[in-house]
Amino acid sequence: MLIMRIERFLRETGMPWTKFGRLATHDPRFVQDLRNGRTPRPETAKRVEHFMNIYREEARAV
């Protein structure tokens, strides 16, 4: 489930959920909406997964 992967990412990075939403989807309420049962479109889920992968890769490169 996407929300579970996001929650793990937030714990790993210490990123606030509102910042994650702004950076990944331009929607600061995105994570809260998912927590409340929102189902993202497949394109949005792919964009979020891509954001998390790129963020992790860049963090490892530093």
C-alpha atoms as a PDB file:
ATOM      1  CA  MET A   1       0.000   0.000   0.000  1.00  0.00           C
ATOM      2  CA  LEU A   2       1.274   3.439  -0.920  1.00  0.00           C
ATOM      3  CA  ILE A   3       0.489   5.060   2.429  1.00  0.00           C
ATOM      4  CA  MET A   4       2.562   2.438   4.248  1.00  0.00           C
ATOM      5  CA  ARG A   5       5.567   3.133   2.000  1.00  0.00           C
ATOM      6  CA  ILE A   6       5.115   6.863   2.518  1.00  0.00           C
ATOM      7  CA  GLU A   7       4.897   6.469   6.309  1.00  0.00           C
ATOM      8  CA  ARG A   8       8.136   4.441   6.278  1.00  0.00           C
ATOM      9  CA  PHE A   9       9.794   7.101   4.095  1.00  0.00           C
ATOM     10  CA  LEU A  10       8.688   9.833   6.503  1.00  0.00           C
ATOM     11  CA  ARG A  11      10.138   7.911   9.468  1.00  0.00           C
ATOM     12  CA  GLU A  12      13.414   7.227   7.622  1.00  0.00           C
ATOM     13  CA  THR A  13      13.920  10.815   6.492  1.00  0.00           C
ATOM     14  CA  GLY A  14      12.287  12.749   9.317  1.00  0.00           C
ATOM     15  CA  MET A  15      10.432  14.774   6.691  1.00  0.00           C
ATOM     16  CA  PRO A  16       7.167  16.393   7.834  1.00  0.00           C
ATOM     17  CA  TRP A  17       4.120  14.991   6.040  1.00  0.00           C
ATOM     18  CA  THR A  18       3.087  18.424   4.767  1.00  0.00           C
ATOM     19  CA  LYS A  19       6.498  19.011   3.186  1.00  0.00           C
ATOM     20  CA  PHE A  20       6.345  15.581   1.569  1.00  0.00           C
ATOM     21  CA  GLY A  21       2.965  16.407   0.053  1.00  0.00           C
ATOM     22  CA  ARG A  22       4.180  19.748  -1.273  1.00  0.00           C
ATOM     23  CA  LEU A  23       7.326  18.280  -2.820  1.00  0.00           C
ATOM     24  CA  ALA A  24       5.827  15.070  -4.208  1.00  0.00           C
ATOM     25  CA  THR A  25       2.392  16.238  -5.377  1.00  0.00           C
ATOM     26  CA  HIS A  26       2.163  20.007  -4.802  1.00  0.00           C
ATOM     27  CA  ASP A  27      -0.550  19.217  -2.234  1.00  0.00           C
ATOM     28  CA  PRO A  28       0.412  19.695   1.436  1.00  0.00           C
ATOM     29  CA  ARG A  29      -2.665  17.699   2.525  1.00  0.00           C
ATOM     30  CA  PHE A  30      -1.875  14.677   0.333  1.00  0.00           C
ATOM     31  CA  VAL A  31      -0.589  12.427   3.134  1.00  0.00           C
ATOM     32  CA  GLN A  32      -3.418  13.348   5.490  1.00  0.00           C
ATOM     33  CA  ASP A  33      -5.932  12.640   2.745  1.00  0.00           C
ATOM     34  CA  LEU A  34      -4.357   9.201   2.203  1.00  0.00           C
ATOM     35  CA  ARG A  35      -4.511   8.555   5.943  1.00  0.00           C
ATOM     36  CA  ASN A  36      -8.215   9.374   5.751  1.00  0.00           C
ATOM     37  CA  GLY A  37      -8.844   6.863   2.978  1.00  0.00           C
ATOM     38  CA  ARG A  38      -8.173   8.762  -0.239  1.00  0.00           C
ATOM     39  CA  THR A  39      -7.061   6.574  -3.134  1.00  0.00           C
ATOM     40  CA  PRO A  40      -4.610   8.300  -5.470  1.00  0.00           C
ATOM     41  CA  ARG A  41      -4.779   7.959  -9.222  1.00  0.00           C
ATOM     42  CA  PRO A  42      -2.214   5.514 -10.653  1.00  0.00           C
ATOM     43  CA  GLU A  43      -0.272   8.389 -12.242  1.00  0.00           C
ATOM     44  CA  THR A  44      -0.044  10.153  -8.891  1.00  0.00           C
ATOM     45  CA  ALA A  45       1.099   6.983  -7.130  1.00  0.00           C
ATOM     46  CA  LYS A  46       3.855   6.534  -9.735  1.00  0.00           C
ATOM     47  CA  ARG A  47       4.957  10.155  -9.301  1.00  0.00           C
ATOM     48  CA  VAL A  48       5.100   9.726  -5.514  1.00  0.00           C
ATOM     49  CA  GLU A  49       7.124   6.491  -5.789  1.00  0.00           C
ATOM     50  CA  HIS A  50       9.493   8.231  -8.206  1.00  0.00           C
ATOM     51  CA  PHE A  51       9.906  11.159  -5.806  1.00  0.00           C
ATOM     52  CA  MET A  52      10.797   8.834  -2.912  1.00  0.00           C
ATOM     53  CA  ASN A  53      13.286   6.870  -5.035  1.00  0.00           C
ATOM     54  CA  ILE A  54      15.032   9.987  -6.322  1.00  0.00           C
ATOM     55  CA  TYR A  55      15.134  11.537  -2.837  1.00  0.00           C
ATOM     56  CA  ARG A  56      16.765   8.395  -1.408  1.00  0.00           C
ATOM     57  CA  GLU A  57      19.283   8.203  -4.258  1.00  0.00           C
ATOM     58  CA  GLU A  58      20.281  11.829  -3.771  1.00  0.00           C
ATOM     59  CA  ALA A  59      20.578  11.359  -0.009  1.00  0.00           C
ATOM     60  CA  ARG A  60      22.925   8.387  -0.526  1.00  0.00           C
ATOM     61  CA  ALA A  61      25.054  10.328  -2.999  1.00  0.00           C
ATOM     62  CA  VAL A  62      25.845  13.047  -0.457  1.00  0.00           C
END
